[in-house]
Amino acid sequence: MKIYVLNIMTQDGETDGYDADDHVRAILEHAGPGVMDVCIANDEPVPPEIMEPYAKEGVSQLELRRGACRAHVPASGARTLYPP
């Protein structure tokens, strides 16, 4: 089983403006279908006290819209898992 754990934050200068959907799409475009069986994604907001140092570096939390990744994952047969 191939598991992709979605990064929770953007990387300044590399993934600015990316959301979860963009990350999954980019991986599938570069690696091709079948590269992941499961995508694990966090949909809870990062607490402000943890987010503060990241924000100073121009980093933000990825936006995750439930089901957004599924638009791309079916081609590879992957599923997106969310916390309960």
N, C-alpha and C. Protein backbone atom coordinates (compact mmCIF):
# COMPACT_ATOMS: atom_id res chain seq x y z
N MET A 1 0.85 -1.17 0.00
CA MET A 1 0.00 0.00 0.00
C MET A 1 0.89 1.24 0.00
N LYS A 2 0.60 2.16 -0.88
CA LYS A 2 1.35 3.43 -0.99
C LYS A 2 0.52 4.54 -0.34
N ILE A 3 1.09 5.13 0.71
CA ILE A 3 0.38 6.16 1.48
C ILE A 3 1.07 7.50 1.31
N TYR A 4 0.29 8.51 0.99
CA TYR A 4 0.79 9.88 0.90
C TYR A 4 0.19 10.67 2.07
N VAL A 5 1.06 11.20 2.93
CA VAL A 5 0.62 12.05 4.03
C VAL A 5 0.78 13.49 3.55
N LEU A 6 -0.33 14.14 3.36
CA LEU A 6 -0.35 15.49 2.81
C LEU A 6 0.28 16.48 3.78
N ASN A 7 1.20 17.29 3.28
CA ASN A 7 1.83 18.34 4.09
C ASN A 7 0.75 19.32 4.54
N ILE A 8 0.85 19.76 5.77
CA ILE A 8 -0.17 20.65 6.34
C ILE A 8 0.09 22.13 6.03
N MET A 9 1.34 22.46 5.65
CA MET A 9 1.72 23.86 5.42
C MET A 9 2.26 24.05 4.01
N THR A 10 2.14 25.28 3.52
CA THR A 10 2.79 25.64 2.26
C THR A 10 4.28 25.83 2.53
N GLN A 11 5.06 25.91 1.47
CA GLN A 11 6.48 26.22 1.62
C GLN A 11 6.73 27.52 0.88
N ASP A 12 7.21 28.52 1.61
CA ASP A 12 7.39 29.86 1.06
C ASP A 12 8.23 29.80 -0.22
N GLY A 13 7.67 30.36 -1.29
CA GLY A 13 8.37 30.42 -2.55
C GLY A 13 8.23 29.18 -3.42
N GLU A 14 7.70 28.11 -2.88
CA GLU A 14 7.55 26.88 -3.67
C GLU A 14 6.11 26.47 -3.86
N THR A 15 5.33 26.54 -2.80
CA THR A 15 3.93 26.11 -2.91
C THR A 15 2.97 27.20 -2.44
N ASP A 16 3.39 28.45 -2.58
CA ASP A 16 2.50 29.56 -2.22
C ASP A 16 1.18 29.44 -2.97
N GLY A 17 0.10 29.58 -2.26
CA GLY A 17 -1.21 29.54 -2.88
C GLY A 17 -1.74 28.15 -3.17
N TYR A 18 -0.94 27.12 -2.89
CA TYR A 18 -1.41 25.75 -3.11
C TYR A 18 -2.43 25.37 -2.06
N ASP A 19 -3.40 24.57 -2.45
CA ASP A 19 -4.27 23.93 -1.48
C ASP A 19 -4.03 22.43 -1.60
N ALA A 20 -4.74 21.65 -0.84
CA ALA A 20 -4.54 20.20 -0.83
C ALA A 20 -4.76 19.62 -2.23
N ASP A 21 -5.76 20.10 -2.90
CA ASP A 21 -6.08 19.64 -4.24
C ASP A 21 -4.89 19.85 -5.19
N ASP A 22 -4.24 21.01 -5.10
CA ASP A 22 -3.09 21.32 -5.95
C ASP A 22 -1.93 20.35 -5.69
N HIS A 23 -1.69 20.02 -4.42
CA HIS A 23 -0.61 19.10 -4.08
C HIS A 23 -0.84 17.71 -4.69
N VAL A 24 -2.04 17.20 -4.51
CA VAL A 24 -2.35 15.87 -5.04
C VAL A 24 -2.26 15.88 -6.56
N ARG A 25 -2.80 16.91 -7.19
CA ARG A 25 -2.75 17.02 -8.65
C ARG A 25 -1.31 17.05 -9.15
N ALA A 26 -0.44 17.84 -8.49
CA ALA A 26 0.96 17.94 -8.91
C ALA A 26 1.67 16.59 -8.79
N ILE A 27 1.42 15.88 -7.72
CA ILE A 27 2.06 14.56 -7.54
C ILE A 27 1.60 13.61 -8.65
N LEU A 28 0.31 13.57 -8.92
CA LEU A 28 -0.19 12.67 -9.95
C LEU A 28 0.30 13.06 -11.34
N GLU A 29 0.45 14.37 -11.60
CA GLU A 29 0.97 14.82 -12.90
C GLU A 29 2.43 14.43 -13.07
N HIS A 30 3.21 14.49 -11.99
CA HIS A 30 4.65 14.19 -12.09
C HIS A 30 4.94 12.69 -11.98
N ALA A 31 4.22 11.99 -11.13
CA ALA A 31 4.52 10.58 -10.87
C ALA A 31 3.59 9.62 -11.61
N GLY A 32 2.45 10.11 -12.02
CA GLY A 32 1.51 9.27 -12.76
C GLY A 32 0.51 8.57 -11.86
N PRO A 33 -0.54 8.04 -12.47
CA PRO A 33 -1.57 7.33 -11.71
C PRO A 33 -0.97 6.10 -11.03
N GLY A 34 -1.56 5.73 -9.92
CA GLY A 34 -1.12 4.55 -9.20
C GLY A 34 0.00 4.80 -8.21
N VAL A 35 0.41 6.07 -8.08
CA VAL A 35 1.52 6.39 -7.17
C VAL A 35 1.08 6.37 -5.71
N MET A 36 -0.21 6.50 -5.45
CA MET A 36 -0.70 6.45 -4.07
C MET A 36 -2.00 5.67 -4.01
N ASP A 37 -2.13 4.93 -2.93
CA ASP A 37 -3.37 4.20 -2.67
C ASP A 37 -4.25 4.96 -1.69
N VAL A 38 -3.61 5.70 -0.78
CA VAL A 38 -4.32 6.45 0.26
C VAL A 38 -3.64 7.80 0.43
N CYS A 39 -4.44 8.83 0.59
CA CYS A 39 -3.94 10.16 0.93
C CYS A 39 -4.50 10.51 2.30
N ILE A 40 -3.62 10.76 3.26
CA ILE A 40 -4.05 11.15 4.60
C ILE A 40 -3.93 12.67 4.70
N ALA A 41 -5.02 13.31 5.09
CA ALA A 41 -5.06 14.77 5.11
C ALA A 41 -5.68 15.27 6.40
N ASN A 42 -5.14 16.37 6.92
CA ASN A 42 -5.67 17.02 8.12
C ASN A 42 -6.63 18.13 7.69
N ASP A 43 -7.79 18.17 8.30
CA ASP A 43 -8.72 19.25 7.98
C ASP A 43 -9.04 20.13 9.19
N GLU A 44 -8.24 19.99 10.23
CA GLU A 44 -8.42 20.83 11.43
C GLU A 44 -7.51 22.06 11.34
N PRO A 45 -7.98 23.22 11.78
CA PRO A 45 -7.12 24.40 11.76
C PRO A 45 -5.97 24.27 12.75
N VAL A 46 -4.82 24.81 12.35
CA VAL A 46 -3.67 24.84 13.25
C VAL A 46 -3.94 25.92 14.29
N PRO A 47 -3.74 25.62 15.58
CA PRO A 47 -3.97 26.63 16.62
C PRO A 47 -3.10 27.87 16.39
N PRO A 48 -3.65 29.05 16.68
CA PRO A 48 -2.92 30.31 16.44
C PRO A 48 -1.52 30.36 17.06
N GLU A 49 -1.38 29.81 18.27
CA GLU A 49 -0.07 29.87 18.93
C GLU A 49 0.98 29.02 18.20
N ILE A 50 0.54 28.00 17.50
CA ILE A 50 1.47 27.18 16.71
C ILE A 50 1.69 27.83 15.35
N MET A 51 0.67 28.46 14.81
CA MET A 51 0.73 29.07 13.49
C MET A 51 1.58 30.33 13.45
N GLU A 52 1.67 31.04 14.57
CA GLU A 52 2.34 32.34 14.61
C GLU A 52 3.76 32.33 14.03
N PRO A 53 4.67 31.44 14.46
CA PRO A 53 6.03 31.47 13.91
C PRO A 53 6.06 31.15 12.40
N TYR A 54 5.16 30.30 11.95
CA TYR A 54 5.09 29.98 10.52
C TYR A 54 4.64 31.20 9.71
N ALA A 55 3.66 31.91 10.22
CA ALA A 55 3.13 33.08 9.53
C ALA A 55 4.22 34.13 9.35
N LYS A 56 5.12 34.26 10.33
CA LYS A 56 6.22 35.23 10.23
C LYS A 56 7.17 34.88 9.09
N GLU A 57 7.20 33.60 8.70
CA GLU A 57 8.06 33.15 7.61
C GLU A 57 7.33 33.12 6.27
N GLY A 58 6.10 33.60 6.25
CA GLY A 58 5.33 33.63 5.01
C GLY A 58 4.69 32.30 4.66
N VAL A 59 4.58 31.42 5.65
CA VAL A 59 4.01 30.09 5.44
C VAL A 59 2.57 30.11 5.93
N SER A 60 1.70 29.39 5.24
CA SER A 60 0.31 29.31 5.67
C SER A 60 -0.15 27.86 5.65
N GLN A 61 -1.25 27.61 6.33
CA GLN A 61 -1.81 26.26 6.36
C GLN A 61 -2.52 25.98 5.04
N LEU A 62 -2.35 24.77 4.56
CA LEU A 62 -3.05 24.37 3.35
C LEU A 62 -4.54 24.37 3.58
N GLU A 63 -5.29 24.81 2.61
CA GLU A 63 -6.74 24.72 2.69
C GLU A 63 -7.13 23.34 2.22
N LEU A 64 -7.97 22.70 2.97
CA LEU A 64 -8.46 21.38 2.60
C LEU A 64 -9.97 21.42 2.55
N ARG A 65 -10.49 21.26 1.36
CA ARG A 65 -11.94 21.17 1.18
C ARG A 65 -12.27 19.69 1.12
N ARG A 66 -13.11 19.22 2.02
CA ARG A 66 -13.47 17.79 2.03
C ARG A 66 -13.91 17.37 0.63
N GLY A 67 -13.28 16.33 0.16
CA GLY A 67 -13.63 15.80 -1.15
C GLY A 67 -12.84 16.39 -2.29
N ALA A 68 -12.12 17.48 -2.06
CA ALA A 68 -11.38 18.12 -3.15
C ALA A 68 -10.33 17.19 -3.73
N CYS A 69 -9.61 16.48 -2.87
CA CYS A 69 -8.58 15.56 -3.35
C CYS A 69 -9.19 14.44 -4.15
N ARG A 70 -10.38 14.04 -3.80
CA ARG A 70 -11.03 12.90 -4.48
C ARG A 70 -11.24 13.17 -5.96
N ALA A 71 -11.25 14.43 -6.37
CA ALA A 71 -11.43 14.75 -7.78
C ALA A 71 -10.27 14.21 -8.61
N HIS A 72 -9.11 14.05 -7.98
CA HIS A 72 -7.92 13.59 -8.70
C HIS A 72 -7.51 12.18 -8.34
N VAL A 73 -7.86 11.76 -7.15
CA VAL A 73 -7.36 10.49 -6.64
C VAL A 73 -8.02 9.28 -7.31
N PRO A 74 -9.28 9.34 -7.74
CA PRO A 74 -9.88 8.13 -8.31
C PRO A 74 -9.09 7.54 -9.48
N ALA A 75 -8.40 8.39 -10.24
CA ALA A 75 -7.62 7.89 -11.37
C ALA A 75 -6.56 6.91 -10.90
N SER A 76 -6.08 7.08 -9.67
CA SER A 76 -5.06 6.18 -9.16
C SER A 76 -5.66 5.16 -8.19
N GLY A 77 -6.95 5.26 -7.95
CA GLY A 77 -7.60 4.33 -7.03
C GLY A 77 -7.40 4.70 -5.58
N ALA A 78 -6.83 5.87 -5.30
CA ALA A 78 -6.52 6.26 -3.93
C ALA A 78 -7.74 6.80 -3.21
N ARG A 79 -7.66 6.80 -1.89
CA ARG A 79 -8.71 7.36 -1.05
C ARG A 79 -8.09 8.43 -0.18
N THR A 80 -8.90 9.39 0.25
CA THR A 80 -8.45 10.40 1.20
C THR A 80 -9.06 10.07 2.55
N LEU A 81 -8.23 10.01 3.58
CA LEU A 81 -8.70 9.72 4.92
C LEU A 81 -8.70 10.99 5.74
N TYR A 82 -9.72 11.18 6.53
CA TYR A 82 -9.84 12.33 7.40
C TYR A 82 -9.93 11.85 8.83
N PRO A 83 -9.47 12.68 9.78
CA PRO A 83 -9.63 12.29 11.18
C PRO A 83 -11.12 12.19 11.52
N PRO A 84 -11.45 11.36 12.53
CA PRO A 84 -12.86 11.20 12.90
C PRO A 84 -13.47 12.50 13.42
